[in-house]
Amino acid sequence: MSNDSKCFQERVAKLRNLREKLCTQSSEQKVGFEVRDFVVYELQDMHEQLSKPNSDTTPEWCREKVEYILDGLLSVPETTTTGD
């Protein structure tokens, strides 16, 4: 086997290993994004429920904590307030 042929085979093997590694990382990232999306959606729902005007029993710290977490995730939902 010539050196050129051996070198080519080594390069192909390295590329296959790199492709496999990237595919593994990609699937792990996909799962991570799905989990993040789920958590953000649920926190946004909680924020909406806690921000309703008729939720007088809701502790202010709870609403603020959910808002703080969403702010950290850059996913604070826009709330609309009506004038009294």
C-alpha atoms as a PDB file:
ATOM      1  CA  MET A   1       0.000   0.000   0.000  1.00  0.00           C
ATOM      2  CA  SER A   2       1.471   3.365  -0.941  1.00  0.00           C
ATOM      3  CA  ASN A   3       1.902   6.207   1.510  1.00  0.00           C
ATOM      4  CA  ASP A   4      -0.636   8.315  -0.397  1.00  0.00           C
ATOM      5  CA  SER A   5      -3.267   5.594  -0.119  1.00  0.00           C
ATOM      6  CA  LYS A   6      -2.568   5.105   3.599  1.00  0.00           C
ATOM      7  CA  CYS A   7      -2.694   8.856   4.224  1.00  0.00           C
ATOM      8  CA  PHE A   8      -6.016   9.105   2.369  1.00  0.00           C
ATOM      9  CA  GLN A   9      -7.514   6.259   4.411  1.00  0.00           C
ATOM     10  CA  GLU A  10      -6.379   7.905   7.658  1.00  0.00           C
ATOM     11  CA  ARG A  11      -8.002  11.172   6.603  1.00  0.00           C
ATOM     12  CA  VAL A  12     -11.252   9.435   5.718  1.00  0.00           C
ATOM     13  CA  ALA A  13     -11.235   7.671   9.099  1.00  0.00           C
ATOM     14  CA  LYS A  14     -10.667  10.993  10.888  1.00  0.00           C
ATOM     15  CA  LEU A  15     -13.520  12.578   8.949  1.00  0.00           C
ATOM     16  CA  ARG A  16     -15.853   9.713   9.849  1.00  0.00           C
ATOM     17  CA  ASN A  17     -14.942  10.042  13.511  1.00  0.00           C
ATOM     18  CA  LEU A  18     -15.507  13.791  13.374  1.00  0.00           C
ATOM     19  CA  ARG A  19     -18.882  13.309  11.661  1.00  0.00           C
ATOM     20  CA  GLU A  20     -19.968  10.809  14.325  1.00  0.00           C
ATOM     21  CA  LYS A  21     -18.889  13.158  17.106  1.00  0.00           C
ATOM     22  CA  LEU A  22     -20.778  16.085  15.547  1.00  0.00           C
ATOM     23  CA  CYS A  23     -23.927  14.001  15.085  1.00  0.00           C
ATOM     24  CA  THR A  24     -23.821  12.969  18.746  1.00  0.00           C
ATOM     25  CA  GLN A  25     -23.381  16.569  19.875  1.00  0.00           C
ATOM     26  CA  SER A  26     -26.197  17.706  17.600  1.00  0.00           C
ATOM     27  CA  SER A  27     -28.694  15.244  19.068  1.00  0.00           C
ATOM     28  CA  GLU A  28     -27.673  16.220  22.615  1.00  0.00           C
ATOM     29  CA  GLN A  29     -28.157  19.896  21.767  1.00  0.00           C
ATOM     30  CA  LYS A  30     -31.578  19.164  20.274  1.00  0.00           C
ATOM     31  CA  VAL A  31     -32.712  17.498  23.490  1.00  0.00           C
ATOM     32  CA  GLY A  32     -31.299  20.401  25.500  1.00  0.00           C
ATOM     33  CA  PHE A  33     -33.225  22.939  23.430  1.00  0.00           C
ATOM     34  CA  GLU A  34     -36.429  20.913  23.757  1.00  0.00           C
ATOM     35  CA  VAL A  35     -36.058  20.865  27.555  1.00  0.00           C
ATOM     36  CA  ARG A  36     -35.314  24.595  27.607  1.00  0.00           C
ATOM     37  CA  ASP A  37     -38.374  25.332  25.459  1.00  0.00           C
ATOM     38  CA  PHE A  38     -40.571  23.252  27.766  1.00  0.00           C
ATOM     39  CA  VAL A  39     -39.308  25.031  30.894  1.00  0.00           C
ATOM     40  CA  VAL A  40     -39.677  28.466  29.307  1.00  0.00           C
ATOM     41  CA  TYR A  41     -43.227  27.694  28.148  1.00  0.00           C
ATOM     42  CA  GLU A  42     -44.266  26.502  31.603  1.00  0.00           C
ATOM     43  CA  LEU A  43     -42.652  29.502  33.322  1.00  0.00           C
ATOM     44  CA  GLN A  44     -44.358  31.875  30.906  1.00  0.00           C
ATOM     45  CA  ASP A  45     -47.687  30.220  31.689  1.00  0.00           C
ATOM     46  CA  MET A  46     -47.003  30.569  35.420  1.00  0.00           C
ATOM     47  CA  HIS A  47     -46.091  34.213  34.920  1.00  0.00           C
ATOM     48  CA  GLU A  48     -49.359  34.858  33.100  1.00  0.00           C
ATOM     49  CA  GLN A  49     -51.377  33.167  35.832  1.00  0.00           C
ATOM     50  CA  LEU A  50     -49.530  35.017  38.583  1.00  0.00           C
ATOM     51  CA  SER A  51     -49.905  38.370  36.822  1.00  0.00           C
ATOM     52  CA  LYS A  52     -53.690  38.223  36.472  1.00  0.00           C
ATOM     53  CA  PRO A  53     -55.431  41.104  38.233  1.00  0.00           C
ATOM     54  CA  ASN A  54     -57.734  38.787  40.152  1.00  0.00           C
ATOM     55  CA  SER A  55     -54.870  36.808  41.701  1.00  0.00           C
ATOM     56  CA  ASP A  56     -54.727  38.810  44.944  1.00  0.00           C
ATOM     57  CA  THR A  57     -53.658  35.736  46.861  1.00  0.00           C
ATOM     58  CA  THR A  58     -50.489  35.354  44.808  1.00  0.00           C
ATOM     59  CA  PRO A  59     -47.391  36.289  46.779  1.00  0.00           C
ATOM     60  CA  GLU A  60     -45.521  39.106  45.045  1.00  0.00           C
ATOM     61  CA  TRP A  61     -42.200  37.341  45.583  1.00  0.00           C
ATOM     62  CA  CYS A  62     -43.459  34.351  43.580  1.00  0.00           C
ATOM     63  CA  ARG A  63     -44.395  36.450  40.556  1.00  0.00           C
ATOM     64  CA  GLU A  64     -41.105  38.360  40.786  1.00  0.00           C
ATOM     65  CA  LYS A  65     -39.090  35.137  41.039  1.00  0.00           C
ATOM     66  CA  VAL A  66     -40.698  33.675  37.912  1.00  0.00           C
ATOM     67  CA  GLU A  67     -40.109  36.968  36.108  1.00  0.00           C
ATOM     68  CA  TYR A  68     -36.468  36.979  37.267  1.00  0.00           C
ATOM     69  CA  ILE A  69     -35.910  33.454  35.915  1.00  0.00           C
ATOM     70  CA  LEU A  70     -37.560  34.290  32.590  1.00  0.00           C
ATOM     71  CA  ASP A  71     -35.501  37.452  32.355  1.00  0.00           C
ATOM     72  CA  GLY A  72     -32.370  35.356  32.824  1.00  0.00           C
ATOM     73  CA  LEU A  73     -33.521  33.129  29.985  1.00  0.00           C
ATOM     74  CA  LEU A  74     -34.357  36.202  27.883  1.00  0.00           C
ATOM     75  CA  SER A  75     -37.956  34.989  27.622  1.00  0.00           C
ATOM     76  CA  VAL A  76     -40.062  37.396  29.651  1.00  0.00           C
ATOM     77  CA  PRO A  77     -43.535  37.406  28.132  1.00  0.00           C
ATOM     78  CA  GLU A  78     -44.997  40.765  27.240  1.00  0.00           C
ATOM     79  CA  THR A  79     -47.806  41.647  29.576  1.00  0.00           C
ATOM     80  CA  THR A  80     -50.520  44.072  28.726  1.00  0.00           C
ATOM     81  CA  THR A  81     -52.072  46.142  31.431  1.00  0.00           C
ATOM     82  CA  THR A  82     -55.379  47.889  31.216  1.00  0.00           C
ATOM     83  CA  GLY A  83     -55.835  51.344  32.643  1.00  0.00           C
ATOM     84  CA  ASP A  84     -58.105  51.671  35.663  1.00  0.00           C
END
